């Protein structure tokens, strides 16, 4: 499953914002996000619109740093 919604939220973007950056309609992007078949070119356009590597669309971020979706502050989580 693609992480587009999660990444967009972290970047304080709506799906409509991402679709606009890709020059596609929001319903078309929603179909892709929800499991419709797509091409690697389209996945690259999504990654570019979100300013992330294409692999990040598929894998959870491998970091202990998160962005607060409310204020945008970067937070580090550590285990004590």
PDB file of N, CA and C in Angstrom:
ATOM      1  N   UNK A   1       0.844  -1.185   0.000  1.00  0.00           N
ATOM      2  CA  UNK A   1       0.000   0.000   0.000  1.00  0.00           C
ATOM      3  C   UNK A   1       0.887   1.245   0.000  1.00  0.00           C
ATOM      4  N   UNK A   2       0.485   2.211  -0.765  1.00  0.00           N
ATOM      5  CA  UNK A   2       1.253   3.448  -0.855  1.00  0.00           C
ATOM      6  C   UNK A   2       1.056   4.316   0.382  1.00  0.00           C
ATOM      7  N   UNK A   3       2.093   5.044   0.742  1.00  0.00           N
ATOM      8  CA  UNK A   3       2.079   5.918   1.919  1.00  0.00           C
ATOM      9  C   UNK A   3       1.806   7.373   1.539  1.00  0.00           C
ATOM     10  N   UNK A   4       1.150   7.613   0.428  1.00  0.00           N
ATOM     11  CA  UNK A   4       0.962   8.975  -0.068  1.00  0.00           C
ATOM     12  C   UNK A   4       0.218   9.840   0.944  1.00  0.00           C
ATOM     13  N   UNK A   5      -0.868   9.336   1.499  1.00  0.00           N
ATOM     14  CA  UNK A   5      -1.643  10.129   2.463  1.00  0.00           C
ATOM     15  C   UNK A   5      -0.805  10.485   3.681  1.00  0.00           C
ATOM     16  N   UNK A   6      -0.064   9.516   4.194  1.00  0.00           N
ATOM     17  CA  UNK A   6       0.765   9.736   5.375  1.00  0.00           C
ATOM     18  C   UNK A   6       1.849  10.786   5.101  1.00  0.00           C
ATOM     19  N   UNK A   7       2.520  10.655   3.970  1.00  0.00           N
ATOM     20  CA  UNK A   7       3.589  11.599   3.630  1.00  0.00           C
ATOM     21  C   UNK A   7       3.015  12.986   3.376  1.00  0.00           C
ATOM     22  N   UNK A   8       1.893  13.044   2.668  1.00  0.00           N
ATOM     23  CA  UNK A   8       1.263  14.342   2.404  1.00  0.00           C
ATOM     24  C   UNK A   8       0.891  15.031   3.714  1.00  0.00           C
ATOM     25  N   UNK A   9       0.341  14.269   4.650  1.00  0.00           N
ATOM     26  CA  UNK A   9      -0.041  14.842   5.942  1.00  0.00           C
ATOM     27  C   UNK A   9       1.181  15.379   6.679  1.00  0.00           C
ATOM     28  N   UNK A  10       2.286  14.625   6.647  1.00  0.00           N
ATOM     29  CA  UNK A  10       3.522  15.082   7.282  1.00  0.00           C
ATOM     30  C   UNK A  10       4.003  16.399   6.680  1.00  0.00           C
ATOM     31  N   UNK A  11       3.762  16.562   5.390  1.00  0.00           N
ATOM     32  CA  UNK A  11       4.212  17.765   4.690  1.00  0.00           C
ATOM     33  C   UNK A  11       3.131  18.847   4.643  1.00  0.00           C
ATOM     34  N   UNK A  12       2.048  18.585   5.366  1.00  0.00           N
ATOM     35  CA  UNK A  12       0.933  19.531   5.467  1.00  0.00           C
ATOM     36  C   UNK A  12       0.319  19.844   4.104  1.00  0.00           C
ATOM     37  N   UNK A  13       0.153  18.791   3.307  1.00  0.00           N
ATOM     38  CA  UNK A  13      -0.452  18.894   1.990  1.00  0.00           C
ATOM     39  C   UNK A  13      -1.724  18.056   1.957  1.00  0.00           C
ATOM     40  N   UNK A  14      -2.674  18.482   1.164  1.00  0.00           N
ATOM     41  CA  UNK A  14      -3.859  17.665   0.916  1.00  0.00           C
ATOM     42  C   UNK A  14      -3.608  16.825  -0.332  1.00  0.00           C
ATOM     43  N   UNK A  15      -4.451  15.835  -0.548  1.00  0.00           N
ATOM     44  CA  UNK A  15      -4.345  15.034  -1.766  1.00  0.00           C
ATOM     45  C   UNK A  15      -4.592  15.927  -2.977  1.00  0.00           C
ATOM     46  N   UNK A  16      -5.475  16.893  -2.845  1.00  0.00           N
ATOM     47  CA  UNK A  16      -5.715  17.843  -3.939  1.00  0.00           C
ATOM     48  C   UNK A  16      -4.452  18.647  -4.249  1.00  0.00           C
ATOM     49  N   UNK A  17      -3.703  19.029  -3.211  1.00  0.00           N
ATOM     50  CA  UNK A  17      -2.437  19.745  -3.419  1.00  0.00           C
ATOM     51  C   UNK A  17      -1.449  18.878  -4.200  1.00  0.00           C
ATOM     52  N   UNK A  18      -1.342  17.620  -3.801  1.00  0.00           N
ATOM     53  CA  UNK A  18      -0.413  16.703  -4.469  1.00  0.00           C
ATOM     54  C   UNK A  18      -0.843  16.502  -5.921  1.00  0.00           C
ATOM     55  N   UNK A  19      -2.137  16.297  -6.137  1.00  0.00           N
ATOM     56  CA  UNK A  19      -2.655  16.111  -7.493  1.00  0.00           C
ATOM     57  C   UNK A  19      -2.355  17.336  -8.358  1.00  0.00           C
ATOM     58  N   UNK A  20      -2.535  18.515  -7.798  1.00  0.00           N
ATOM     59  CA  UNK A  20      -2.260  19.746  -8.549  1.00  0.00           C
ATOM     60  C   UNK A  20      -0.788  19.823  -8.940  1.00  0.00           C
ATOM     61  N   UNK A  21       0.103  19.454  -8.015  1.00  0.00           N
ATOM     62  CA  UNK A  21       1.541  19.443  -8.314  1.00  0.00           C
ATOM     63  C   UNK A  21       1.871  18.457  -9.435  1.00  0.00           C
ATOM     64  N   UNK A  22       1.060  17.396  -9.547  1.00  0.00           N
ATOM     65  CA  UNK A  22       1.271  16.379 -10.581  1.00  0.00           C
ATOM     66  C   UNK A  22       0.556  16.724 -11.875  1.00  0.00           C
ATOM     67  N   UNK A  23      -0.308  17.727 -11.839  1.00  0.00           N
ATOM     68  CA  UNK A  23      -1.136  18.116 -12.979  1.00  0.00           C
ATOM     69  C   UNK A  23      -2.117  17.000 -13.359  1.00  0.00           C
ATOM     70  N   UNK A  24      -2.735  16.401 -12.318  1.00  0.00           N
ATOM     71  CA  UNK A  24      -3.794  15.409 -12.517  1.00  0.00           C
ATOM     72  C   UNK A  24      -4.978  15.787 -11.631  1.00  0.00           C
ATOM     73  N   UNK A  25      -6.115  15.182 -11.890  1.00  0.00           N
ATOM     74  CA  UNK A  25      -7.297  15.416 -11.072  1.00  0.00           C
ATOM     75  C   UNK A  25      -7.180  14.624  -9.764  1.00  0.00           C
ATOM     76  N   UNK A  26      -7.692  15.185  -8.686  1.00  0.00           N
ATOM     77  CA  UNK A  26      -7.636  14.530  -7.376  1.00  0.00           C
ATOM     78  C   UNK A  26      -8.282  13.139  -7.383  1.00  0.00           C
ATOM     79  N   UNK A  27      -9.437  12.934  -8.047  1.00  0.00           N
ATOM     80  CA  UNK A  27     -10.016  11.579  -8.055  1.00  0.00           C
ATOM     81  C   UNK A  27      -9.092  10.535  -8.702  1.00  0.00           C
ATOM     82  N   UNK A  28      -8.343  10.940  -9.720  1.00  0.00           N
ATOM     83  CA  UNK A  28      -7.407  10.005 -10.363  1.00  0.00           C
ATOM     84  C   UNK A  28      -6.305   9.613  -9.390  1.00  0.00           C
ATOM     85  N   UNK A  29      -5.780  10.584  -8.661  1.00  0.00           N
ATOM     86  CA  UNK A  29      -4.751  10.290  -7.669  1.00  0.00           C
ATOM     87  C   UNK A  29      -5.327   9.417  -6.554  1.00  0.00           C
ATOM     88  N   UNK A  30      -6.539   9.687  -6.137  1.00  0.00           N
ATOM     89  CA  UNK A  30      -7.178   8.877  -5.090  1.00  0.00           C
ATOM     90  C   UNK A  30      -7.303   7.416  -5.513  1.00  0.00           C
ATOM     91  N   UNK A  31      -7.643   7.177  -6.772  1.00  0.00           N
ATOM     92  CA  UNK A  31      -7.741   5.791  -7.266  1.00  0.00           C
ATOM     93  C   UNK A  31      -6.384   5.091  -7.171  1.00  0.00           C
ATOM     94  N   UNK A  32      -5.323   5.807  -7.525  1.00  0.00           N
ATOM     95  CA  UNK A  32      -3.977   5.226  -7.444  1.00  0.00           C
ATOM     96  C   UNK A  32      -3.634   4.904  -5.995  1.00  0.00           C
ATOM     97  N   UNK A  33      -3.893   5.853  -5.114  1.00  0.00           N
ATOM     98  CA  UNK A  33      -3.585   5.673  -3.693  1.00  0.00           C
ATOM     99  C   UNK A  33      -4.339   4.480  -3.121  1.00  0.00           C
ATOM    100  N   UNK A  34      -5.557   4.282  -3.576  1.00  0.00           N
ATOM    101  CA  UNK A  34      -6.410   3.224  -3.028  1.00  0.00           C
ATOM    102  C   UNK A  34      -6.269   1.886  -3.743  1.00  0.00           C
ATOM    103  N   UNK A  35      -5.196   1.718  -4.522  1.00  0.00           N
ATOM    104  CA  UNK A  35      -4.905   0.396  -5.042  1.00  0.00           C
ATOM    105  C   UNK A  35      -5.051   0.176  -6.528  1.00  0.00           C
ATOM    106  N   UNK A  36      -5.416   1.191  -7.290  1.00  0.00           N
ATOM    107  CA  UNK A  36      -5.510   1.024  -8.732  1.00  0.00           C
ATOM    108  C   UNK A  36      -4.115   0.795  -9.310  1.00  0.00           C
ATOM    109  N   UNK A  37      -4.032  -0.027 -10.339  1.00  0.00           N
ATOM    110  CA  UNK A  37      -2.734  -0.258 -10.984  1.00  0.00           C
ATOM    111  C   UNK A  37      -2.180   1.048 -11.517  1.00  0.00           C
ATOM    112  N   UNK A  38      -0.862   1.178 -11.460  1.00  0.00           N
ATOM    113  CA  UNK A  38      -0.222   2.390 -11.950  1.00  0.00           C
ATOM    114  C   UNK A  38       1.135   2.047 -12.542  1.00  0.00           C
ATOM    115  N   UNK A  39       1.761   3.033 -13.144  1.00  0.00           N
ATOM    116  CA  UNK A  39       3.066   2.831 -13.771  1.00  0.00           C
ATOM    117  C   UNK A  39       4.168   3.397 -12.888  1.00  0.00           C
ATOM    118  N   UNK A  40       5.388   3.007 -13.190  1.00  0.00           N
ATOM    119  CA  UNK A  40       6.518   3.568 -12.449  1.00  0.00           C
ATOM    120  C   UNK A  40       6.657   5.059 -12.728  1.00  0.00           C
ATOM    121  N   UNK A  41       6.292   5.491 -13.924  1.00  0.00           N
ATOM    122  CA  UNK A  41       6.340   6.928 -14.232  1.00  0.00           C
ATOM    123  C   UNK A  41       5.401   7.710 -13.319  1.00  0.00           C
ATOM    124  N   UNK A  42       4.204   7.181 -13.111  1.00  0.00           N
ATOM    125  CA  UNK A  42       3.244   7.852 -12.236  1.00  0.00           C
ATOM    126  C   UNK A  42       3.735   7.853 -10.797  1.00  0.00           C
ATOM    127  N   UNK A  43       4.305   6.744 -10.357  1.00  0.00           N
ATOM    128  CA  UNK A  43       4.857   6.695  -9.002  1.00  0.00           C
ATOM    129  C   UNK A  43       5.971   7.722  -8.838  1.00  0.00           C
ATOM    130  N   UNK A  44       6.786   7.897  -9.876  1.00  0.00           N
ATOM    131  CA  UNK A  44       7.858   8.889  -9.806  1.00  0.00           C
ATOM    132  C   UNK A  44       7.276  10.298  -9.731  1.00  0.00           C
ATOM    133  N   UNK A  45       6.187  10.556 -10.456  1.00  0.00           N
ATOM    134  CA  UNK A  45       5.530  11.871 -10.398  1.00  0.00           C
ATOM    135  C   UNK A  45       4.988  12.141  -8.997  1.00  0.00           C
ATOM    136  N   UNK A  46       4.420  11.118  -8.373  1.00  0.00           N
ATOM    137  CA  UNK A  46       3.919  11.272  -7.005  1.00  0.00           C
ATOM    138  C   UNK A  46       5.079  11.584  -6.068  1.00  0.00           C
ATOM    139  N   UNK A  47       6.160  10.822  -6.188  1.00  0.00           N
ATOM    140  CA  UNK A  47       7.332  11.047  -5.342  1.00  0.00           C
ATOM    141  C   UNK A  47       7.883  12.452  -5.546  1.00  0.00           C
ATOM    142  N   UNK A  48       7.952  12.898  -6.788  1.00  0.00           N
ATOM    143  CA  UNK A  48       8.438  14.250  -7.073  1.00  0.00           C
ATOM    144  C   UNK A  48       7.524  15.301  -6.454  1.00  0.00           C
ATOM    145  N   UNK A  49       6.216  15.085  -6.559  1.00  0.00           N
ATOM    146  CA  UNK A  49       5.250  16.042  -6.001  1.00  0.00           C
ATOM    147  C   UNK A  49       5.382  16.139  -4.485  1.00  0.00           C
ATOM    148  N   UNK A  50       5.757  15.031  -3.856  1.00  0.00           N
ATOM    149  CA  UNK A  50       5.926  14.999  -2.403  1.00  0.00           C
ATOM    150  C   UNK A  50       7.366  15.301  -1.982  1.00  0.00           C
ATOM    151  N   UNK A  51       8.259  15.418  -2.951  1.00  0.00           N
ATOM    152  CA  UNK A  51       9.680  15.685  -2.699  1.00  0.00           C
ATOM    153  C   UNK A  51      10.301  14.609  -1.806  1.00  0.00           C
ATOM    154  N   UNK A  52      10.047  13.344  -2.183  1.00  0.00           N
ATOM    155  CA  UNK A  52      10.617  12.199  -1.468  1.00  0.00           C
ATOM    156  C   UNK A  52      11.155  11.201  -2.495  1.00  0.00           C
ATOM    157  N   UNK A  53      12.071  10.322  -2.079  1.00  0.00           N
ATOM    158  CA  UNK A  53      12.491   9.241  -2.975  1.00  0.00           C
ATOM    159  C   UNK A  53      11.315   8.291  -3.215  1.00  0.00           C
ATOM    160  N   UNK A  54      11.268   7.692  -4.376  1.00  0.00           N
ATOM    161  CA  UNK A  54      10.154   6.811  -4.726  1.00  0.00           C
ATOM    162  C   UNK A  54      10.003   5.664  -3.724  1.00  0.00           C
ATOM    163  N   UNK A  55      11.106   5.161  -3.186  1.00  0.00           N
ATOM    164  CA  UNK A  55      11.042   4.052  -2.221  1.00  0.00           C
ATOM    165  C   UNK A  55      10.266   4.434  -0.969  1.00  0.00           C
ATOM    166  N   UNK A  56      10.274   5.700  -0.611  1.00  0.00           N
ATOM    167  CA  UNK A  56       9.564   6.130   0.599  1.00  0.00           C
ATOM    168  C   UNK A  56       8.051   6.003   0.455  1.00  0.00           C
ATOM    169  N   UNK A  57       7.571   5.914  -0.777  1.00  0.00           N
ATOM    170  CA  UNK A  57       6.139   5.708  -0.991  1.00  0.00           C
ATOM    171  C   UNK A  57       5.709   4.328  -0.506  1.00  0.00           C
ATOM    172  N   UNK A  58       6.637   3.386  -0.429  1.00  0.00           N
ATOM    173  CA  UNK A  58       6.328   2.004  -0.086  1.00  0.00           C
ATOM    174  C   UNK A  58       6.777   1.594   1.300  1.00  0.00           C
ATOM    175  N   UNK A  59       7.833   2.159   1.786  1.00  0.00           N
ATOM    176  CA  UNK A  59       8.425   1.719   3.043  1.00  0.00           C
ATOM    177  C   UNK A  59       8.188   2.741   4.134  1.00  0.00           C
ATOM    178  N   UNK A  60       8.013   2.271   5.352  1.00  0.00           N
ATOM    179  CA  UNK A  60       7.953   3.237   6.447  1.00  0.00           C
ATOM    180  C   UNK A  60       9.300   3.939   6.562  1.00  0.00           C
ATOM    181  N   UNK A  61       9.267   5.171   6.978  1.00  0.00           N
ATOM    182  CA  UNK A  61      10.503   5.927   7.155  1.00  0.00           C
ATOM    183  C   UNK A  61      11.381   5.219   8.174  1.00  0.00           C
ATOM    184  N   UNK A  62      12.644   5.077   7.860  1.00  0.00           N
ATOM    185  CA  UNK A  62      13.575   4.393   8.751  1.00  0.00           C
ATOM    186  C   UNK A  62      14.328   5.435   9.565  1.00  0.00           C
ATOM    187  N   UNK A  63      13.589   6.130  10.366  1.00  0.00           N
ATOM    188  CA  UNK A  63      14.176   7.179  11.179  1.00  0.00           C
ATOM    189  C   UNK A  63      13.419   7.275  12.488  1.00  0.00           C
ATOM    190  N   UNK A  64      14.033   7.882  13.442  1.00  0.00           N
ATOM    191  CA  UNK A  64      13.355   8.114  14.708  1.00  0.00           C
ATOM    192  C   UNK A  64      12.880   9.559  14.782  1.00  0.00           C
ATOM    193  N   UNK A  65      12.851  10.216  13.635  1.00  0.00           N
ATOM    194  CA  UNK A  65      12.424  11.611  13.579  1.00  0.00           C
ATOM    195  C   UNK A  65      11.067  11.695  12.884  1.00  0.00           C
ATOM    196  N   UNK A  66      10.164  12.426  13.495  1.00  0.00           N
ATOM    197  CA  UNK A  66       8.822  12.588  12.956  1.00  0.00           C
ATOM    198  C   UNK A  66       8.484  14.065  12.883  1.00  0.00           C
ATOM    199  N   UNK A  67       7.561  14.406  12.005  1.00  0.00           N
ATOM    200  CA  UNK A  67       7.093  15.779  11.899  1.00  0.00           C
ATOM    201  C   UNK A  67       5.694  15.849  12.482  1.00  0.00           C
ATOM    202  N   UNK A  68       5.488  16.757  13.426  1.00  0.00           N
ATOM    203  CA  UNK A  68       4.166  16.945  14.019  1.00  0.00           C
ATOM    204  C   UNK A  68       3.212  17.434  12.933  1.00  0.00           C
ATOM    205  N   UNK A  69       2.096  16.726  12.703  1.00  0.00           N
ATOM    206  CA  UNK A  69       1.166  17.149  11.663  1.00  0.00           C
ATOM    207  C   UNK A  69       0.426  18.441  12.008  1.00  0.00           C
ATOM    208  N   UNK A  70       0.421  18.825  13.276  1.00  0.00           N
ATOM    209  CA  UNK A  70      -0.282  20.044  13.683  1.00  0.00           C
ATOM    210  C   UNK A  70       0.567  21.294  13.543  1.00  0.00           C
ATOM    211  N   UNK A  71       1.827  21.223  14.001  1.00  0.00           N
ATOM    212  CA  UNK A  71       2.652  22.436  14.003  1.00  0.00           C
ATOM    213  C   UNK A  71       3.863  22.354  13.083  1.00  0.00           C
ATOM    214  N   UNK A  72       4.173  21.163  12.569  1.00  0.00           N
ATOM    215  CA  UNK A  72       5.305  21.015  11.663  1.00  0.00           C
ATOM    216  C   UNK A  72       6.653  20.867  12.348  1.00  0.00           C
ATOM    217  N   UNK A  73       6.668  20.799  13.683  1.00  0.00           N
ATOM    218  CA  UNK A  73       7.913  20.663  14.432  1.00  0.00           C
ATOM    219  C   UNK A  73       8.493  19.266  14.246  1.00  0.00           C
ATOM    220  N   UNK A  74       9.805  19.187  14.020  1.00  0.00           N
ATOM    221  CA  UNK A  74      10.490  17.897  13.924  1.00  0.00           C
ATOM    222  C   UNK A  74      10.729  17.372  15.336  1.00  0.00           C
ATOM    223  N   UNK A  75      10.344  16.122  15.579  1.00  0.00           N
ATOM    224  CA  UNK A  75      10.483  15.497  16.891  1.00  0.00           C
ATOM    225  C   UNK A  75      11.317  14.234  16.764  1.00  0.00           C
ATOM    226  N   UNK A  76      12.202  14.009  17.715  1.00  0.00           N
ATOM    227  CA  UNK A  76      12.984  12.774  17.745  1.00  0.00           C
ATOM    228  C   UNK A  76      12.450  11.894  18.862  1.00  0.00           C
ATOM    229  N   UNK A  77      12.320  10.615  18.559  1.00  0.00           N
ATOM    230  CA  UNK A  77      11.829   9.645  19.526  1.00  0.00           C
ATOM    231  C   UNK A  77      12.983   8.715  19.859  1.00  0.00           C
ATOM    232  N   UNK A  78      13.194   8.501  21.144  1.00  0.00           N
ATOM    233  CA  UNK A  78      14.259   7.588  21.548  1.00  0.00           C
ATOM    234  C   UNK A  78      13.750   6.660  22.636  1.00  0.00           C
ATOM    235  N   UNK A  79      14.371   5.501  22.714  1.00  0.00           N
ATOM    236  CA  UNK A  79      14.002   4.507  23.709  1.00  0.00           C
ATOM    237  C   UNK A  79      14.927   4.657  24.902  1.00  0.00           C
ATOM    238  N   UNK A  80      14.347   4.720  26.081  1.00  0.00           N
ATOM    239  CA  UNK A  80      15.162   4.866  27.296  1.00  0.00           C
ATOM    240  C   UNK A  80      15.383   3.545  27.961  1.00  0.00           C
TER     241      UNK A  80
END
